[in-house]
Amino acid sequence: MAKDSSKISYTEGMLVGYRHFDTNRIQVRYPFGYGLSYTAFESRVAGYEAFGSVIKVCVKVKNVGSVYAGKHVVGIYAGRKENLDNEEAAPRRSLIGFEKTKTLRPQEETEVFLEIPMDRLGTYDENANVTKICPGAYALYLGIDINTSEFAGEFTVSCEQILCDHNSSDNSGKSGVEESCLTKKDTACLEKVENIIKGLSEKELIELCVGNGLFSDGKGYQVPGSVGCTSTRFLGKGIRNILMCDGPAGVRIQRRSTINKKGKIKPVDFPLSFFELLPDFITNLRVGNPDRDKVIYQFVTGFPVATAVAQTWNRRLCFDMGCAVGREMEKYGVTLWLAPAVNIIRNPLCGRNYEYYSEDPVLAGELAACVIKGVQKMPGCGVTVKHFACNNQETNRYYMSSELSERTLRDMYLKAFEIIVKEAEPKALMTAYNKVNGVYAAENEHLLKDILRNEWGYKGLVMTDWLSVGEDRADEAKSIHAGIDLIMPGNRKNKRKLYKEYKAGLVSRADLQRAAKNVLNIIMEEN
């Protein structure tokens, strides 16, 4: 950590994880992609072509063992053979695509076909403010792990290809700030949301865009163990609250709770350890008594953490896991799962690495997208992709600033989020606690408006991480204006301050309407 703990400089740039070791020719014992099998495989590239927007690769794989069946991962790495002059250090090779075979019997052979987006070769040019594919020769490498991957061929990009001109205001997702996150819904539903929003006062709009608190108020829909919900103030108008439950290893809800004669639900085995330090009379107010009241049970599956899931390199398995999570959400009435987390594993000492998929954004983005598609296949169920962005350490997380170049930000730390937004359309996204280049993620218009909404065209709900907005942290008005739709978990103080800031002209009614509209869209879909 730097001496000034409020700023962490990402001086390694793009050379994160295996890219550092591979580029500097440093041999490691367990390289990226390393794995063991009960059998052995041989693979070779049978053909490839790079044309238009796709790189097509055909790989023949054979189980050369004599006893056991097994599956093999086909990994395709690529790198430009020569870096441009004065360019920030570029990785020698990076993963651009992968596929896992079916189960192959001993001596069985199969062909694997990969279609890899050409934009995986793209990089951000800070001088021109464009994302582009540079001209020149590119080499392809085949192998499961980076150490044993072998040269498989090369192709030439004859001229510079501009993938996105960030100087232009005419980006494909420009309308994302104004459009509903449920544009596929029928017109009647959208008109109903619009009419509700128009009829709400500023205080009512604030009720919708600030959460209902860390603990249940006993009103509305409840799921023991949920960590947050939207306002219960509108129940009389037929607008129910929606519930959020944490992850990352499946749906985290309370296994055992009590319900008293008045319908008050309390957890028995409270998951927050700080309750053990509180006086008994406070604990008794929050924790149920199974000897006195009726006990209710909720059983869910504990799935492997994200790092273990990513080690499968198995898209279908990730989709099936997402479907299973979605079914349990549907069973207990959970609308938003606060997962997956797709931050890059930058440092092995990060306290939340187990929640994150990989040191590689392509692997993280592709597999998390499959999980998301599985979850959101279930009616009324959605994910909350997090933590946007650069939440790569826990120490001083509420105040530290991740300092990095725009190229490193876009090409490394935002890439998994970009893949997910474009391929899986997550219903919600959560910002990080930290600052990015000196600006809190929740207040960061460059991240939330310029990139997420305008460039990527994201139309879903954007919420804050828990308790990241408030005194000595991100500001309520700045966050809503920057693109936050829902401040979580929310409290009366957040609401009072936001209303004062509205009266002072620090946030507009249009900002509040936009935020409340995106919250209401999720609620109405659930209804």
Protein backbone atom coordinates (compact mmCIF):
# COMPACT_ATOMS: atom_id res chain seq x y z
CA MET A 1 0.00 0.00 0.00
CA ALA A 2 1.20 3.54 -0.70
CA LYS A 3 2.28 5.74 2.20
CA ASP A 4 -0.77 7.93 1.60
CA SER A 5 -3.50 5.35 2.19
CA SER A 6 -6.12 7.66 0.67
CA LYS A 7 -4.61 7.05 -2.78
CA ILE A 8 -3.64 3.72 -4.30
CA SER A 9 -1.70 4.08 -7.55
CA TYR A 10 -2.19 1.32 -10.10
CA THR A 11 1.34 1.79 -11.38
CA GLU A 12 1.41 -1.66 -12.99
CA GLY A 13 -1.13 -0.45 -15.53
CA MET A 14 -2.33 -3.33 -17.70
CA LEU A 15 0.23 -5.79 -16.35
CA VAL A 16 -2.06 -7.35 -13.76
CA GLY A 17 -1.80 -10.98 -12.67
CA TYR A 18 -0.60 -13.38 -15.35
CA ARG A 19 0.03 -10.50 -17.77
CA HIS A 20 2.86 -9.28 -15.53
CA PHE A 21 4.54 -12.68 -15.31
CA ASP A 22 4.06 -13.56 -18.97
CA THR A 23 5.21 -10.20 -20.32
CA ASN A 24 8.31 -10.24 -18.14
CA ARG A 25 9.01 -13.93 -18.91
CA ILE A 26 8.74 -14.95 -15.25
CA GLN A 27 7.99 -18.63 -14.74
CA VAL A 28 5.47 -19.42 -12.01
CA ARG A 29 4.50 -22.75 -10.48
CA TYR A 30 0.74 -22.35 -10.97
CA PRO A 31 0.14 -20.21 -14.08
CA PHE A 32 -3.20 -18.70 -15.05
CA GLY A 33 -5.40 -21.52 -16.38
CA TYR A 34 -3.47 -24.25 -14.57
CA GLY A 35 -5.40 -27.42 -13.85
CA LEU A 36 -5.09 -31.18 -13.48
CA SER A 37 -7.03 -34.01 -15.07
CA TYR A 38 -7.38 -37.77 -14.70
CA THR A 39 -6.57 -38.06 -18.39
CA ALA A 40 -4.51 -36.27 -21.04
CA PHE A 41 -5.49 -34.26 -24.10
CA GLU A 42 -3.94 -33.11 -27.32
CA SER A 43 -5.25 -30.07 -29.16
CA ARG A 44 -4.35 -28.17 -32.32
CA VAL A 45 -5.77 -25.34 -34.37
CA ALA A 46 -7.34 -26.83 -37.48
CA GLY A 47 -8.12 -23.47 -39.04
CA TYR A 48 -8.80 -19.82 -38.29
CA GLU A 49 -9.75 -16.58 -39.97
CA ALA A 50 -9.98 -12.98 -38.81
CA PHE A 51 -12.50 -11.14 -40.91
CA GLY A 52 -14.90 -8.32 -40.23
CA SER A 53 -15.98 -8.22 -36.58
CA VAL A 54 -15.17 -11.85 -35.69
CA ILE A 55 -12.16 -14.10 -35.26
CA LYS A 56 -13.18 -17.68 -36.08
CA VAL A 57 -11.07 -20.54 -34.76
CA CYS A 58 -11.52 -24.28 -35.17
CA VAL A 59 -9.64 -26.48 -32.69
CA LYS A 60 -9.40 -30.26 -32.74
CA VAL A 61 -9.19 -31.86 -29.30
CA LYS A 62 -8.49 -35.51 -28.52
CA ASN A 63 -8.55 -37.43 -25.25
CA VAL A 64 -5.32 -39.39 -25.64
CA GLY A 65 -5.74 -41.24 -22.35
CA SER A 66 -6.68 -44.92 -22.18
CA VAL A 67 -8.78 -45.10 -18.99
CA TYR A 68 -10.72 -41.98 -18.00
CA ALA A 69 -13.15 -39.68 -19.75
CA GLY A 70 -12.82 -35.95 -19.24
CA LYS A 71 -13.38 -32.40 -20.48
CA HIS A 72 -10.78 -30.02 -21.83
CA VAL A 73 -10.63 -26.23 -21.92
CA VAL A 74 -9.64 -24.57 -25.17
CA GLY A 75 -8.09 -21.20 -24.45
CA ILE A 76 -7.19 -18.67 -27.14
CA TYR A 77 -4.70 -15.93 -26.27
CA ALA A 78 -3.64 -13.10 -28.53
CA GLY A 79 -1.12 -10.29 -28.60
CA ARG A 80 0.20 -7.67 -30.97
CA LYS A 81 3.65 -8.66 -32.12
CA GLU A 82 5.05 -5.14 -31.78
CA ASN A 83 3.89 -2.30 -29.53
CA LEU A 84 3.56 1.19 -30.92
CA ASP A 85 6.11 3.81 -29.97
CA ASN A 86 5.49 5.64 -26.70
CA GLU A 87 2.62 3.28 -25.82
CA GLU A 88 1.89 2.38 -22.21
CA ALA A 89 3.27 -1.09 -21.47
CA ALA A 90 1.03 -3.65 -23.18
CA PRO A 91 0.65 -7.29 -22.18
CA ARG A 92 2.49 -9.78 -24.33
CA ARG A 93 -0.59 -12.01 -24.45
CA SER A 94 -4.16 -11.81 -23.15
CA LEU A 95 -7.07 -14.24 -23.10
CA ILE A 96 -9.57 -13.35 -25.83
CA GLY A 97 -11.77 -16.46 -25.93
CA PHE A 98 -12.32 -19.92 -24.48
CA GLU A 99 -14.60 -22.92 -24.68
CA LYS A 100 -14.97 -26.17 -22.78
CA THR A 101 -15.45 -29.44 -24.61
CA LYS A 102 -18.11 -32.03 -23.99
CA THR A 103 -17.03 -35.11 -22.03
CA LEU A 104 -14.62 -37.06 -24.23
CA ARG A 105 -14.12 -40.79 -23.83
CA PRO A 106 -10.59 -42.23 -24.11
CA GLN A 107 -9.30 -41.76 -27.68
CA GLU A 108 -12.38 -39.74 -28.62
CA GLU A 109 -11.82 -36.60 -30.73
CA THR A 110 -13.98 -33.54 -31.28
CA GLU A 111 -13.91 -30.15 -32.95
CA VAL A 112 -14.46 -26.95 -31.01
CA PHE A 113 -15.53 -23.82 -32.88
CA LEU A 114 -14.91 -20.41 -31.33
CA GLU A 115 -16.26 -17.11 -32.61
CA ILE A 116 -14.39 -14.36 -30.81
CA PRO A 117 -15.40 -10.68 -31.15
CA MET A 118 -12.67 -8.77 -32.95
CA ASP A 119 -13.08 -5.96 -30.44
CA ARG A 120 -11.28 -8.15 -27.88
CA LEU A 121 -8.17 -6.80 -29.60
CA GLY A 122 -9.23 -3.22 -28.97
CA THR A 123 -7.45 -0.78 -26.71
CA TYR A 124 -8.09 2.73 -25.50
CA ASP A 125 -5.96 5.54 -26.98
CA GLU A 126 -5.65 8.33 -24.41
CA ASN A 127 -4.29 10.86 -26.89
CA ALA A 128 -7.15 10.52 -29.37
CA ASN A 129 -9.82 9.52 -26.80
CA VAL A 130 -10.94 6.58 -28.89
CA THR A 131 -11.08 2.82 -28.47
CA LYS A 132 -9.44 1.22 -31.47
CA ILE A 133 -7.79 -1.84 -32.96
CA CYS A 134 -4.24 -0.91 -33.85
CA PRO A 135 -2.81 -1.93 -37.22
CA GLY A 136 -0.14 -4.58 -37.37
CA ALA A 137 0.48 -8.30 -36.95
CA TYR A 138 -1.30 -10.23 -34.21
CA ALA A 139 -0.31 -13.67 -32.95
CA LEU A 140 -2.74 -16.31 -31.71
CA TYR A 141 -1.80 -18.86 -29.04
CA LEU A 142 -3.60 -22.05 -28.08
CA GLY A 143 -3.49 -23.58 -24.63
CA ILE A 144 -5.33 -24.00 -21.36
CA ASP A 145 -2.73 -22.20 -19.28
CA ILE A 146 -0.60 -19.24 -20.23
CA ASN A 147 2.73 -21.04 -19.69
CA THR A 148 2.04 -23.97 -22.00
CA SER A 149 0.06 -22.10 -24.68
CA GLU A 150 1.74 -22.39 -28.05
CA PHE A 151 1.85 -20.21 -31.14
CA ALA A 152 -1.03 -21.17 -33.41
CA GLY A 153 -0.90 -18.60 -36.18
CA GLU A 154 -1.00 -14.91 -36.97
CA PHE A 155 -2.98 -12.40 -38.96
CA THR A 156 -2.60 -8.77 -39.93
CA VAL A 157 -4.88 -5.81 -39.32
CA SER A 158 -4.09 -3.59 -42.27
CA CYS A 159 -5.40 -0.30 -40.96
CA GLU A 160 -6.58 1.29 -37.73
CA GLN A 161 -10.17 0.44 -36.80
CA ILE A 162 -12.08 2.85 -34.54
CA LEU A 163 -14.43 0.89 -32.28
CA CYS A 164 -15.76 3.87 -30.32
CA ASP A 165 -15.04 7.58 -30.64
CA HIS A 166 -15.47 8.91 -27.11
CA ASN A 167 -15.32 12.49 -28.39
CA SER A 168 -18.63 12.04 -30.16
CA SER A 169 -21.92 12.70 -28.40
CA ASP A 170 -23.65 10.32 -30.81
CA ASN A 171 -23.01 7.03 -29.02
CA SER A 172 -25.34 4.09 -29.48
CA GLY A 173 -26.43 4.12 -25.86
CA LYS A 174 -27.01 7.85 -25.56
CA SER A 175 -30.71 7.51 -24.89
CA GLY A 176 -30.04 5.14 -22.01
CA VAL A 177 -30.17 7.96 -19.46
CA GLU A 178 -33.72 8.82 -20.36
CA GLU A 179 -35.18 5.51 -21.46
CA SER A 180 -36.87 3.07 -19.15
CA CYS A 181 -34.93 -0.02 -18.05
CA LEU A 182 -37.96 -2.03 -19.18
CA THR A 183 -38.29 -0.91 -22.79
CA LYS A 184 -39.42 -4.43 -23.72
CA LYS A 185 -42.46 -4.12 -21.48
CA ASP A 186 -45.86 -3.36 -22.97
CA THR A 187 -46.82 0.25 -23.56
CA ALA A 188 -49.56 0.23 -20.93
CA CYS A 189 -47.09 -0.65 -18.17
CA LEU A 190 -44.66 2.07 -19.26
CA GLU A 191 -47.44 4.65 -19.40
CA LYS A 192 -48.55 3.64 -15.90
CA VAL A 193 -45.05 4.23 -14.55
CA GLU A 194 -44.87 7.61 -16.28
CA ASN A 195 -48.23 8.67 -14.86
CA ILE A 196 -47.29 7.61 -11.34
CA ILE A 197 -44.00 9.53 -11.49
CA LYS A 198 -45.68 12.70 -12.75
CA GLY A 199 -48.11 12.64 -9.84
CA LEU A 200 -45.52 12.28 -7.07
CA SER A 201 -44.25 15.14 -4.96
CA GLU A 202 -40.52 15.66 -4.44
CA LYS A 203 -40.70 14.05 -1.01
CA GLU A 204 -42.45 11.02 -2.50
CA LEU A 205 -39.85 10.77 -5.26
CA ILE A 206 -37.15 10.80 -2.58
CA GLU A 207 -38.98 7.99 -0.76
CA LEU A 208 -38.60 5.87 -3.88
CA CYS A 209 -34.93 6.62 -4.53
CA VAL A 210 -33.76 6.10 -0.93
CA GLY A 211 -34.00 2.60 0.56
CA ASN A 212 -36.19 1.64 3.50
CA GLY A 213 -33.37 1.03 5.98
CA LEU A 214 -31.05 -1.71 7.10
CA PHE A 215 -33.72 -3.41 9.23
CA SER A 216 -37.30 -4.20 8.29
CA ASP A 217 -39.98 -1.82 9.56
CA GLY A 218 -42.39 -4.75 9.79
CA LYS A 219 -44.49 -3.47 6.90
CA GLY A 220 -44.90 -4.74 3.39
CA TYR A 221 -43.32 -7.88 2.02
CA GLN A 222 -40.63 -9.45 4.22
CA VAL A 223 -38.02 -12.16 3.79
CA PRO A 224 -36.05 -12.93 6.96
CA GLY A 225 -32.39 -12.26 6.26
CA SER A 226 -32.88 -9.78 3.44
CA VAL A 227 -30.48 -6.87 3.75
CA GLY A 228 -32.57 -4.11 2.22
CA CYS A 229 -35.77 -3.14 0.50
CA THR A 230 -37.47 -0.25 -1.22
CA SER A 231 -39.99 2.01 0.49
CA THR A 232 -43.14 0.56 2.06
CA ARG A 233 -44.86 3.96 2.00
CA PHE A 234 -46.76 3.24 -1.23
CA LEU A 235 -48.46 -0.01 -0.21
CA GLY A 236 -51.81 1.77 -0.10
CA LYS A 237 -51.38 2.71 -3.76
CA GLY A 238 -50.77 -0.87 -4.78
CA ILE A 239 -47.01 -0.42 -5.10
CA ARG A 240 -45.27 -3.09 -3.05
CA ASN A 241 -41.73 -3.02 -1.77
CA ILE A 242 -39.09 -5.25 -3.32
CA LEU A 243 -36.41 -7.13 -1.39
CA MET A 244 -32.69 -7.60 -1.87
CA CYS A 245 -30.58 -10.43 -0.52
CA ASP A 246 -26.85 -10.72 -0.40
CA GLY A 247 -24.58 -13.27 -2.07
CA PRO A 248 -22.09 -14.26 -3.23
CA ALA A 249 -22.42 -18.06 -2.73
CA GLY A 250 -26.12 -18.32 -3.43
CA VAL A 251 -29.00 -16.45 -1.81
CA ARG A 252 -28.05 -15.40 1.71
CA ILE A 253 -31.23 -15.37 3.81
CA GLN A 254 -32.04 -16.33 7.39
CA ARG A 255 -32.26 -20.08 7.91
CA ARG A 256 -34.22 -19.88 11.17
CA SER A 257 -36.50 -17.05 12.32
CA THR A 258 -39.46 -16.50 14.63
CA ILE A 259 -42.81 -14.86 14.09
CA ASN A 260 -44.83 -13.61 17.06
CA LYS A 261 -48.57 -13.21 17.46
CA LYS A 262 -48.41 -9.68 16.02
CA GLY A 263 -46.69 -10.92 12.87
CA LYS A 264 -43.28 -9.48 13.81
CA ILE A 265 -40.46 -11.51 12.25
CA LYS A 266 -37.08 -11.75 13.97
CA PRO A 267 -33.99 -13.79 13.10
CA VAL A 268 -32.75 -16.42 15.54
CA ASP A 269 -29.22 -17.05 14.29
CA PHE A 270 -28.31 -13.47 13.42
CA PRO A 271 -25.54 -13.36 10.79
CA LEU A 272 -23.96 -10.12 12.00
CA SER A 273 -21.30 -10.92 14.61
CA PHE A 274 -21.35 -7.46 16.16
CA PHE A 275 -24.65 -8.35 17.86
CA GLU A 276 -22.66 -10.59 20.18
CA LEU A 277 -21.01 -7.46 21.59
CA LEU A 278 -24.26 -5.61 22.33
CA PRO A 279 -26.09 -5.58 25.67
CA ASP A 280 -28.71 -8.30 26.10
CA PHE A 281 -31.67 -5.91 26.09
CA ILE A 282 -30.70 -4.61 22.63
CA THR A 283 -30.10 -8.11 21.28
CA ASN A 284 -33.49 -9.20 22.60
CA LEU A 285 -35.15 -6.44 20.60
CA ARG A 286 -33.66 -7.70 17.34
CA VAL A 287 -33.22 -11.45 17.83
CA GLY A 288 -36.15 -13.87 18.06
CA ASN A 289 -36.91 -16.32 20.87
CA PRO A 290 -37.56 -19.81 19.44
CA ASP A 291 -38.77 -21.06 22.82
CA ARG A 292 -41.61 -18.56 22.89
CA ASP A 293 -42.60 -17.82 19.29
CA LYS A 294 -43.31 -19.86 16.18
CA VAL A 295 -40.17 -20.85 14.25
CA ILE A 296 -40.05 -20.57 10.46
CA TYR A 297 -37.36 -22.06 8.25
CA GLN A 298 -35.87 -21.08 4.89
CA PHE A 299 -33.46 -23.50 3.24
CA VAL A 300 -31.28 -22.47 0.32
CA THR A 301 -28.23 -23.86 -1.44
CA GLY A 302 -24.68 -22.84 -0.63
CA PHE A 303 -22.90 -22.67 -3.99
CA PRO A 304 -19.14 -22.42 -4.57
CA VAL A 305 -17.73 -18.91 -4.37
CA ALA A 306 -17.02 -17.00 -7.58
CA THR A 307 -13.31 -17.79 -7.70
CA ALA A 308 -14.08 -21.53 -7.62
CA VAL A 309 -16.86 -21.14 -10.19
CA ALA A 310 -14.51 -19.34 -12.58
CA GLN A 311 -12.02 -22.20 -12.33
CA THR A 312 -14.51 -24.44 -14.13
CA TRP A 313 -14.31 -22.33 -17.34
CA ASN A 314 -17.75 -23.82 -17.96
CA ARG A 315 -20.44 -21.55 -19.38
CA ARG A 316 -23.23 -24.11 -19.19
CA LEU A 317 -22.47 -24.92 -15.57
CA CYS A 318 -22.57 -21.20 -14.71
CA PHE A 319 -25.91 -20.80 -16.46
CA ASP A 320 -27.36 -23.79 -14.60
CA MET A 321 -26.10 -22.39 -11.30
CA GLY A 322 -27.78 -19.07 -12.12
CA CYS A 323 -31.06 -20.88 -12.85
CA ALA A 324 -30.85 -22.64 -9.48
CA VAL A 325 -30.25 -19.34 -7.68
CA GLY A 326 -33.16 -17.80 -9.56
CA ARG A 327 -35.52 -20.61 -8.57
CA GLU A 328 -34.69 -20.08 -4.89
CA MET A 329 -35.18 -16.32 -5.26
CA GLU A 330 -38.56 -16.94 -6.86
CA LYS A 331 -39.55 -19.37 -4.11
CA TYR A 332 -38.88 -16.90 -1.28
CA GLY A 333 -39.86 -13.69 -3.06
CA VAL A 334 -36.45 -12.09 -3.50
CA THR A 335 -36.34 -9.59 -6.37
CA LEU A 336 -32.66 -8.62 -6.52
CA TRP A 337 -29.65 -10.79 -5.70
CA LEU A 338 -26.70 -8.62 -4.68
CA ALA A 339 -24.27 -10.52 -6.89
CA PRO A 340 -22.24 -11.30 -8.93
CA ALA A 341 -19.12 -9.31 -8.04
CA VAL A 342 -16.76 -9.03 -11.00
CA ASN A 343 -13.93 -6.82 -9.80
CA ILE A 344 -10.50 -7.85 -10.99
CA ILE A 345 -8.36 -9.83 -8.54
CA ARG A 346 -5.51 -7.33 -8.59
CA ASN A 347 -3.82 -8.22 -5.32
CA PRO A 348 -3.90 -11.63 -3.57
CA LEU A 349 -4.32 -9.83 -0.21
CA CYS A 350 -7.69 -8.28 -1.09
CA GLY A 351 -10.21 -9.37 1.55
CA ARG A 352 -13.01 -9.99 -0.94
CA ASN A 353 -11.14 -11.90 -3.62
CA TYR A 354 -13.28 -14.97 -2.95
CA GLU A 355 -16.28 -12.99 -4.25
CA TYR A 356 -14.49 -12.08 -7.47
CA TYR A 357 -14.12 -14.34 -10.47
CA SER A 358 -10.69 -13.77 -11.89
CA GLU A 359 -7.64 -11.68 -12.61
CA ASP A 360 -8.84 -11.73 -16.23
CA PRO A 361 -11.79 -9.56 -17.36
CA VAL A 362 -12.81 -11.80 -20.27
CA LEU A 363 -13.10 -14.91 -18.11
CA ALA A 364 -14.89 -12.95 -15.37
CA GLY A 365 -17.25 -11.18 -17.75
CA GLU A 366 -18.19 -14.21 -19.84
CA LEU A 367 -18.89 -16.56 -16.92
CA ALA A 368 -20.71 -13.95 -14.81
CA ALA A 369 -22.87 -13.15 -17.84
CA CYS A 370 -23.91 -16.81 -17.97
CA VAL A 371 -24.82 -16.78 -14.27
CA ILE A 372 -26.87 -13.62 -14.82
CA LYS A 373 -28.77 -15.07 -17.77
CA GLY A 374 -29.66 -18.06 -15.61
CA VAL A 375 -30.90 -15.99 -12.69
CA GLN A 376 -32.90 -13.59 -14.86
CA LYS A 377 -34.55 -16.42 -16.74
CA MET A 378 -36.78 -16.72 -13.68
CA PRO A 379 -39.74 -14.28 -13.76
CA GLY A 380 -39.28 -11.26 -11.49
CA CYS A 381 -35.70 -12.15 -10.53
CA GLY A 382 -32.69 -9.99 -11.18
CA VAL A 383 -29.04 -9.59 -10.31
CA THR A 384 -27.03 -6.63 -9.04
CA VAL A 385 -23.60 -6.61 -10.66
CA LYS A 386 -20.97 -5.05 -8.43
CA HIS A 387 -18.76 -3.17 -7.45
CA PHE A 388 -18.55 -0.50 -10.14
CA ALA A 389 -15.60 0.16 -10.18
CA CYS A 390 -12.03 -0.55 -9.02
CA ASN A 391 -13.02 -2.01 -5.63
CA ASN A 392 -9.77 -3.96 -5.37
CA GLN A 393 -8.93 -3.69 -1.67
CA GLU A 394 -10.78 -3.61 1.64
CA THR A 395 -8.36 -1.50 3.68
CA ASN A 396 -9.75 2.05 4.02
CA ARG A 397 -12.36 1.15 1.40
CA TYR A 398 -14.75 3.98 2.30
CA TYR A 399 -12.20 6.70 1.62
CA MET A 400 -9.38 5.43 -0.59
CA SER A 401 -9.05 6.46 -4.22
CA SER A 402 -8.01 4.07 -6.97
CA GLU A 403 -5.65 6.10 -9.16
CA LEU A 404 -5.20 4.75 -12.67
CA SER A 405 -4.95 5.79 -16.29
CA GLU A 406 -8.02 5.92 -18.49
CA ARG A 407 -6.60 3.10 -20.60
CA THR A 408 -6.08 0.81 -17.62
CA LEU A 409 -9.54 1.68 -16.32
CA ARG A 410 -11.28 0.87 -19.57
CA ASP A 411 -9.21 -2.05 -20.87
CA MET A 412 -8.79 -3.87 -17.56
CA TYR A 413 -11.11 -2.82 -14.74
CA LEU A 414 -14.28 -1.97 -16.70
CA LYS A 415 -14.03 -4.69 -19.34
CA ALA A 416 -15.89 -7.40 -17.38
CA PHE A 417 -18.71 -4.96 -16.61
CA GLU A 418 -18.91 -3.97 -20.28
CA ILE A 419 -19.16 -7.59 -21.40
CA ILE A 420 -21.91 -8.23 -18.85
CA VAL A 421 -23.95 -5.13 -19.67
CA LYS A 422 -23.88 -5.85 -23.40
CA GLU A 423 -24.36 -9.63 -23.25
CA ALA A 424 -26.60 -10.21 -20.23
CA GLU A 425 -28.50 -6.93 -19.54
CA PRO A 426 -28.41 -7.12 -15.73
CA LYS A 427 -31.41 -5.55 -14.04
CA ALA A 428 -29.30 -3.70 -11.49
CA LEU A 429 -25.75 -2.53 -10.89
CA MET A 430 -24.08 -1.45 -7.64
CA THR A 431 -21.39 1.19 -7.31
CA ALA A 432 -18.26 0.76 -5.20
CA TYR A 433 -17.35 2.35 -1.85
CA ASN A 434 -14.08 3.80 -3.08
CA LYS A 435 -13.21 6.79 -5.17
CA VAL A 436 -11.94 6.45 -8.72
CA ASN A 437 -9.34 9.07 -9.58
CA GLY A 438 -10.46 11.22 -6.69
CA VAL A 439 -14.25 11.01 -7.21
CA TYR A 440 -16.51 8.66 -5.24
CA ALA A 441 -17.89 5.93 -7.49
CA ALA A 442 -21.42 6.92 -6.47
CA GLU A 443 -20.75 10.52 -7.54
CA ASN A 444 -18.76 9.68 -10.64
CA GLU A 445 -20.55 11.05 -13.71
CA HIS A 446 -17.78 9.82 -16.00
CA LEU A 447 -18.45 6.23 -14.90
CA LEU A 448 -22.23 6.38 -14.52
CA LYS A 449 -23.27 8.72 -17.32
CA ASP A 450 -20.48 8.92 -19.89
CA ILE A 451 -19.53 5.24 -19.92
CA LEU A 452 -22.30 3.12 -18.36
CA ARG A 453 -25.34 4.93 -19.74
CA ASN A 454 -24.18 6.79 -22.85
CA GLU A 455 -21.51 4.47 -24.28
CA TRP A 456 -22.77 1.07 -23.18
CA GLY A 457 -26.47 1.94 -23.34
CA TYR A 458 -27.29 0.52 -19.91
CA LYS A 459 -30.96 0.97 -19.01
CA GLY A 460 -31.20 -0.80 -15.66
CA LEU A 461 -31.22 0.34 -12.04
CA VAL A 462 -28.06 1.76 -10.43
CA MET A 463 -27.79 1.55 -6.63
CA THR A 464 -25.12 2.41 -4.10
CA ASP A 465 -23.31 -0.05 -1.89
CA TRP A 466 -24.57 -0.19 1.69
CA LEU A 467 -23.80 2.94 3.75
CA SER A 468 -21.57 4.40 1.05
CA VAL A 469 -23.63 7.61 0.97
CA GLY A 470 -23.83 9.84 4.01
CA GLU A 471 -21.70 11.83 6.39
CA ASP A 472 -17.99 11.82 5.42
CA ARG A 473 -18.81 9.68 2.40
CA ALA A 474 -20.50 10.27 -0.93
CA ASP A 475 -23.10 13.04 -0.99
CA GLU A 476 -26.79 12.34 -1.57
CA ALA A 477 -27.48 15.06 -4.16
CA LYS A 478 -24.22 14.54 -6.04
CA SER A 479 -24.92 10.80 -6.23
CA ILE A 480 -28.46 11.16 -7.57
CA HIS A 481 -27.34 13.79 -10.09
CA ALA A 482 -24.43 11.60 -11.23
CA GLY A 483 -26.76 8.71 -12.07
CA ILE A 484 -27.56 6.81 -8.86
CA ASP A 485 -31.19 5.66 -8.77
CA LEU A 486 -31.34 4.09 -5.31
CA ILE A 487 -29.36 4.98 -2.17
CA MET A 488 -28.99 1.88 0.00
CA PRO A 489 -29.82 0.80 2.57
CA GLY A 490 -31.21 4.29 3.16
CA ASN A 491 -32.33 6.09 6.30
CA ARG A 492 -34.27 9.14 7.43
CA LYS A 493 -31.12 11.25 7.50
CA ASN A 494 -30.45 10.49 3.81
CA LYS A 495 -34.00 11.51 2.95
CA ARG A 496 -33.96 14.73 4.98
CA LYS A 497 -30.62 15.82 3.55
CA LEU A 498 -31.62 15.01 -0.02
CA TYR A 499 -34.79 17.08 0.35
CA LYS A 500 -32.80 20.01 1.74
CA GLU A 501 -30.38 19.71 -1.16
CA TYR A 502 -33.31 19.68 -3.59
CA LYS A 503 -34.70 22.85 -2.04
CA ALA A 504 -31.23 24.41 -2.34
CA GLY A 505 -31.09 23.59 -6.05
CA LEU A 506 -28.30 21.01 -5.75
CA VAL A 507 -30.39 18.30 -7.39
CA SER A 508 -33.29 18.77 -9.81
CA ARG A 509 -36.77 17.30 -9.92
CA ALA A 510 -35.79 15.72 -13.26
CA ASP A 511 -32.93 13.89 -11.49
CA LEU A 512 -35.31 12.63 -8.82
CA GLN A 513 -37.87 11.58 -11.42
CA ARG A 514 -35.29 9.66 -13.41
CA ALA A 515 -34.07 7.83 -10.32
CA ALA A 516 -37.57 7.07 -9.01
CA LYS A 517 -38.65 5.92 -12.46
CA ASN A 518 -35.90 3.31 -12.68
CA VAL A 519 -36.76 2.06 -9.19
CA LEU A 520 -40.46 1.94 -10.00
CA ASN A 521 -39.81 0.04 -13.23
CA ILE A 522 -38.23 -2.81 -11.26
CA ILE A 523 -41.10 -2.75 -8.74
CA MET A 524 -43.78 -2.77 -11.44
CA GLU A 525 -42.12 -5.68 -13.22
CA GLU A 526 -42.23 -7.61 -9.94
CA ASN A 527 -45.86 -6.64 -9.42
